[in-house]
Amino acid sequence: MNFMGMYTELIFGARLKPDTPSNVLEILFYMIDTGDVDELICKETHKLFTTERWERMFNCSSYYFGVNEPINKMWSDDITGSFILSIRCNLKNYNNEIELFLDWIKPFICQGSGINNMYAIVTYEEGLPTIYNLDDNCEMVDADI
């Protein structure tokens, strides 16, 4: 494997579905905190969990980007009862960890940002960013305020 290469930045922000399975939430908290591996994580079968750096990807950074410290947080929204996940990190995306993460998490997203429900921007050191939006048929969370 060639370990020289450029970095890719992930900017991610989304509200998760209120019925997101507890094992998914545990994995996300684990990825943010890199604590002990739980047996639920070991049972995941998505290709993301076969990559070498999936556990640390939210905590990677590079001075090639303006924001060079990883920012990651997940919290529970008291109004909707769902979790909100916010990530900013950059890593050498050798095994497509970023795209695999986005594929794995997308079924659990109920809301992104704006009318297009943007939930991620992926930027390689060179070139234009790729913007990820939810499908038009995604149901929005309506909070009773």
C-alpha atoms as a PDB file:
ATOM      1  CA  MET A   1       0.000   0.000   0.000  1.00  0.00           C
ATOM      2  CA  ASN A   2       1.244   3.466  -0.854  1.00  0.00           C
ATOM      3  CA  PHE A   3       1.249   5.603   2.285  1.00  0.00           C
ATOM      4  CA  MET A   4       2.039   8.835   0.459  1.00  0.00           C
ATOM      5  CA  GLY A   5      -0.959  10.746  -0.697  1.00  0.00           C
ATOM      6  CA  MET A   6      -3.271  13.585  -0.058  1.00  0.00           C
ATOM      7  CA  TYR A   7      -5.804  14.192   2.662  1.00  0.00           C
ATOM      8  CA  THR A   8      -9.564  14.306   2.356  1.00  0.00           C
ATOM      9  CA  GLU A   9     -11.735  16.435   4.625  1.00  0.00           C
ATOM     10  CA  LEU A  10     -15.145  15.345   5.905  1.00  0.00           C
ATOM     11  CA  ILE A  11     -17.631  17.913   7.152  1.00  0.00           C
ATOM     12  CA  PHE A  12     -20.734  16.106   8.401  1.00  0.00           C
ATOM     13  CA  GLY A  13     -23.846  17.302  10.186  1.00  0.00           C
ATOM     14  CA  ALA A  14     -27.189  15.554  10.538  1.00  0.00           C
ATOM     15  CA  ARG A  15     -30.089  14.720  12.802  1.00  0.00           C
ATOM     16  CA  LEU A  16     -30.477  10.979  13.238  1.00  0.00           C
ATOM     17  CA  LYS A  17     -33.823   9.211  13.212  1.00  0.00           C
ATOM     18  CA  PRO A  18     -35.380   8.897  16.680  1.00  0.00           C
ATOM     19  CA  ASP A  19     -35.482   5.105  16.251  1.00  0.00           C
ATOM     20  CA  THR A  20     -31.777   4.794  15.386  1.00  0.00           C
ATOM     21  CA  PRO A  21     -30.679   1.437  16.855  1.00  0.00           C
ATOM     22  CA  SER A  22     -28.699   1.599  20.084  1.00  0.00           C
ATOM     23  CA  ASN A  23     -25.782  -0.299  18.534  1.00  0.00           C
ATOM     24  CA  VAL A  24     -25.420   2.425  15.870  1.00  0.00           C
ATOM     25  CA  LEU A  25     -25.388   5.108  18.566  1.00  0.00           C
ATOM     26  CA  GLU A  26     -22.812   3.109  20.561  1.00  0.00           C
ATOM     27  CA  ILE A  27     -20.582   2.828  17.502  1.00  0.00           C
ATOM     28  CA  LEU A  28     -20.797   6.572  16.844  1.00  0.00           C
ATOM     29  CA  PHE A  29     -19.961   7.400  20.463  1.00  0.00           C
ATOM     30  CA  TYR A  30     -17.075   4.933  20.235  1.00  0.00           C
ATOM     31  CA  MET A  31     -15.783   6.577  17.030  1.00  0.00           C
ATOM     32  CA  ILE A  32     -15.894   9.994  18.702  1.00  0.00           C
ATOM     33  CA  ASP A  33     -14.253   8.900  21.944  1.00  0.00           C
ATOM     34  CA  THR A  34     -12.267   5.809  20.789  1.00  0.00           C
ATOM     35  CA  GLY A  35     -13.032   4.040  24.070  1.00  0.00           C
ATOM     36  CA  ASP A  36     -13.220   0.294  24.579  1.00  0.00           C
ATOM     37  CA  VAL A  37     -14.516  -1.928  21.796  1.00  0.00           C
ATOM     38  CA  ASP A  38     -17.969  -3.269  22.575  1.00  0.00           C
ATOM     39  CA  GLU A  39     -19.228  -6.648  21.366  1.00  0.00           C
ATOM     40  CA  LEU A  40     -21.946  -4.875  19.328  1.00  0.00           C
ATOM     41  CA  ILE A  41     -19.260  -3.163  17.259  1.00  0.00           C
ATOM     42  CA  CYS A  42     -17.536  -6.465  16.582  1.00  0.00           C
ATOM     43  CA  LYS A  43     -20.773  -7.850  15.108  1.00  0.00           C
ATOM     44  CA  GLU A  44     -21.175  -5.114  12.483  1.00  0.00           C
ATOM     45  CA  THR A  45     -20.880  -6.451   8.939  1.00  0.00           C
ATOM     46  CA  HIS A  46     -20.705  -3.253   6.859  1.00  0.00           C
ATOM     47  CA  LYS A  47     -17.519  -2.922   4.811  1.00  0.00           C
ATOM     48  CA  LEU A  48     -16.574   0.212   6.815  1.00  0.00           C
ATOM     49  CA  PHE A  49     -15.700  -2.007   9.767  1.00  0.00           C
ATOM     50  CA  THR A  50     -13.148  -3.976   7.728  1.00  0.00           C
ATOM     51  CA  THR A  51     -10.956  -0.896   7.153  1.00  0.00           C
ATOM     52  CA  GLU A  52      -7.908  -0.260   9.325  1.00  0.00           C
ATOM     53  CA  ARG A  53      -8.755   3.271  10.483  1.00  0.00           C
ATOM     54  CA  TRP A  54     -12.529   3.393  10.864  1.00  0.00           C
ATOM     55  CA  GLU A  55     -12.193   3.617  14.654  1.00  0.00           C
ATOM     56  CA  ARG A  56      -9.981   6.714  14.552  1.00  0.00           C
ATOM     57  CA  MET A  57     -11.290   8.537  11.487  1.00  0.00           C
ATOM     58  CA  PHE A  58     -13.289  11.145  13.474  1.00  0.00           C
ATOM     59  CA  ASN A  59     -10.102  12.067  15.347  1.00  0.00           C
ATOM     60  CA  CYS A  60      -7.752  12.528  12.370  1.00  0.00           C
ATOM     61  CA  SER A  61      -6.450  15.888  11.209  1.00  0.00           C
ATOM     62  CA  SER A  62      -3.950  17.565   8.900  1.00  0.00           C
ATOM     63  CA  TYR A  63      -2.393  21.013   8.613  1.00  0.00           C
ATOM     64  CA  TYR A  64      -3.306  21.022   4.907  1.00  0.00           C
ATOM     65  CA  PHE A  65      -6.768  22.303   5.874  1.00  0.00           C
ATOM     66  CA  GLY A  66      -7.775  25.551   7.560  1.00  0.00           C
ATOM     67  CA  VAL A  67      -9.456  23.687  10.410  1.00  0.00           C
ATOM     68  CA  ASN A  68      -6.639  21.374  11.415  1.00  0.00           C
ATOM     69  CA  GLU A  69      -8.020  19.957  14.645  1.00  0.00           C
ATOM     70  CA  PRO A  70     -10.785  17.349  14.518  1.00  0.00           C
ATOM     71  CA  ILE A  71     -14.164  18.456  15.806  1.00  0.00           C
ATOM     72  CA  ASN A  72     -16.675  15.766  16.684  1.00  0.00           C
ATOM     73  CA  LYS A  73     -19.738  15.767  18.855  1.00  0.00           C
ATOM     74  CA  MET A  74     -23.005  13.899  19.271  1.00  0.00           C
ATOM     75  CA  TRP A  75     -25.808  15.032  21.537  1.00  0.00           C
ATOM     76  CA  SER A  76     -29.434  14.284  22.226  1.00  0.00           C
ATOM     77  CA  ASP A  77     -32.004  16.871  21.186  1.00  0.00           C
ATOM     78  CA  ASP A  78     -34.555  17.231  23.993  1.00  0.00           C
ATOM     79  CA  ILE A  79     -37.267  18.508  21.647  1.00  0.00           C
ATOM     80  CA  THR A  80     -37.244  15.761  19.004  1.00  0.00           C
ATOM     81  CA  GLY A  81     -35.768  12.912  21.047  1.00  0.00           C
ATOM     82  CA  SER A  82     -33.187  12.251  18.362  1.00  0.00           C
ATOM     83  CA  PHE A  83     -29.414  12.523  18.299  1.00  0.00           C
ATOM     84  CA  ILE A  84     -27.485  15.094  16.302  1.00  0.00           C
ATOM     85  CA  LEU A  85     -24.040  14.221  14.943  1.00  0.00           C
ATOM     86  CA  SER A  86     -21.469  16.834  13.913  1.00  0.00           C
ATOM     87  CA  ILE A  87     -18.037  15.853  12.558  1.00  0.00           C
ATOM     88  CA  ARG A  88     -15.135  17.703  10.989  1.00  0.00           C
ATOM     89  CA  CYS A  89     -12.001  15.684  10.322  1.00  0.00           C
ATOM     90  CA  ASN A  90      -9.478  15.034   7.585  1.00  0.00           C
ATOM     91  CA  LEU A  91      -7.546  11.900   6.837  1.00  0.00           C
ATOM     92  CA  LYS A  92      -5.789   9.994   4.116  1.00  0.00           C
ATOM     93  CA  ASN A  93      -8.825   8.183   2.784  1.00  0.00           C
ATOM     94  CA  TYR A  94      -6.891   5.141   1.480  1.00  0.00           C
ATOM     95  CA  ASN A  95      -9.661   2.590   1.954  1.00  0.00           C
ATOM     96  CA  ASN A  96     -12.572   4.934   1.228  1.00  0.00           C
ATOM     97  CA  GLU A  97     -13.401   5.139   4.928  1.00  0.00           C
ATOM     98  CA  ILE A  98     -15.253   8.404   4.378  1.00  0.00           C
ATOM     99  CA  GLU A  99     -17.489   7.094   1.601  1.00  0.00           C
ATOM    100  CA  LEU A 100     -18.072   3.859   3.509  1.00  0.00           C
ATOM    101  CA  PHE A 101     -19.028   5.806   6.638  1.00  0.00           C
ATOM    102  CA  LEU A 102     -21.475   7.936   4.627  1.00  0.00           C
ATOM    103  CA  ASP A 103     -22.989   4.796   3.094  1.00  0.00           C
ATOM    104  CA  TRP A 104     -23.335   3.152   6.523  1.00  0.00           C
ATOM    105  CA  ILE A 105     -24.860   6.168   8.315  1.00  0.00           C
ATOM    106  CA  LYS A 106     -27.228   7.425   5.581  1.00  0.00           C
ATOM    107  CA  PRO A 107     -30.157   5.076   6.426  1.00  0.00           C
ATOM    108  CA  PHE A 108     -30.191   6.513   9.952  1.00  0.00           C
ATOM    109  CA  ILE A 109     -30.289  10.199   8.910  1.00  0.00           C
ATOM    110  CA  CYS A 110     -33.619  11.993   8.984  1.00  0.00           C
ATOM    111  CA  GLN A 111     -32.497  15.585   8.438  1.00  0.00           C
ATOM    112  CA  GLY A 112     -29.578  17.462   6.986  1.00  0.00           C
ATOM    113  CA  SER A 113     -29.246  21.209   6.363  1.00  0.00           C
ATOM    114  CA  GLY A 114     -31.255  23.436   4.060  1.00  0.00           C
ATOM    115  CA  ILE A 115     -33.982  22.555   1.593  1.00  0.00           C
ATOM    116  CA  ASN A 116     -31.755  19.922  -0.014  1.00  0.00           C
ATOM    117  CA  ASN A 117     -30.976  18.192   3.298  1.00  0.00           C
ATOM    118  CA  MET A 118     -27.217  18.411   2.802  1.00  0.00           C
ATOM    119  CA  TYR A 119     -25.485  16.207   5.349  1.00  0.00           C
ATOM    120  CA  ALA A 120     -21.865  16.016   4.186  1.00  0.00           C
ATOM    121  CA  ILE A 121     -19.190  17.826   2.234  1.00  0.00           C
ATOM    122  CA  VAL A 122     -16.110  15.845   1.225  1.00  0.00           C
ATOM    123  CA  THR A 123     -13.096  17.768  -0.046  1.00  0.00           C
ATOM    124  CA  TYR A 124      -9.896  16.292  -1.450  1.00  0.00           C
ATOM    125  CA  GLU A 125      -6.816  18.532  -1.198  1.00  0.00           C
ATOM    126  CA  GLU A 126      -7.172  19.256  -4.906  1.00  0.00           C
ATOM    127  CA  GLY A 127     -10.388  19.828  -6.814  1.00  0.00           C
ATOM    128  CA  LEU A 128     -13.934  20.733  -5.935  1.00  0.00           C
ATOM    129  CA  PRO A 129     -15.888  19.328  -2.986  1.00  0.00           C
ATOM    130  CA  THR A 130     -18.542  16.642  -3.263  1.00  0.00           C
ATOM    131  CA  ILE A 131     -21.813  17.505  -1.529  1.00  0.00           C
ATOM    132  CA  TYR A 132     -24.061  14.752  -0.155  1.00  0.00           C
ATOM    133  CA  ASN A 133     -27.826  15.324   0.100  1.00  0.00           C
ATOM    134  CA  LEU A 134     -30.629  13.074   1.251  1.00  0.00           C
ATOM    135  CA  ASP A 135     -33.022  11.678  -1.328  1.00  0.00           C
ATOM    136  CA  ASP A 136     -36.085  13.813  -2.004  1.00  0.00           C
ATOM    137  CA  ASN A 137     -38.355  11.218  -0.392  1.00  0.00           C
ATOM    138  CA  CYS A 138     -36.730  11.498   3.045  1.00  0.00           C
ATOM    139  CA  GLU A 139     -39.218  12.335   5.757  1.00  0.00           C
ATOM    140  CA  MET A 140     -38.383  15.420   7.781  1.00  0.00           C
ATOM    141  CA  VAL A 141     -38.666  15.470  11.558  1.00  0.00           C
ATOM    142  CA  ASP A 142     -41.486  17.814  12.603  1.00  0.00           C
ATOM    143  CA  ALA A 143     -41.010  18.978  16.164  1.00  0.00           C
ATOM    144  CA  ASP A 144     -44.039  20.112  18.119  1.00  0.00           C
ATOM    145  CA  ILE A 145     -42.785  23.350  19.636  1.00  0.00           C
END
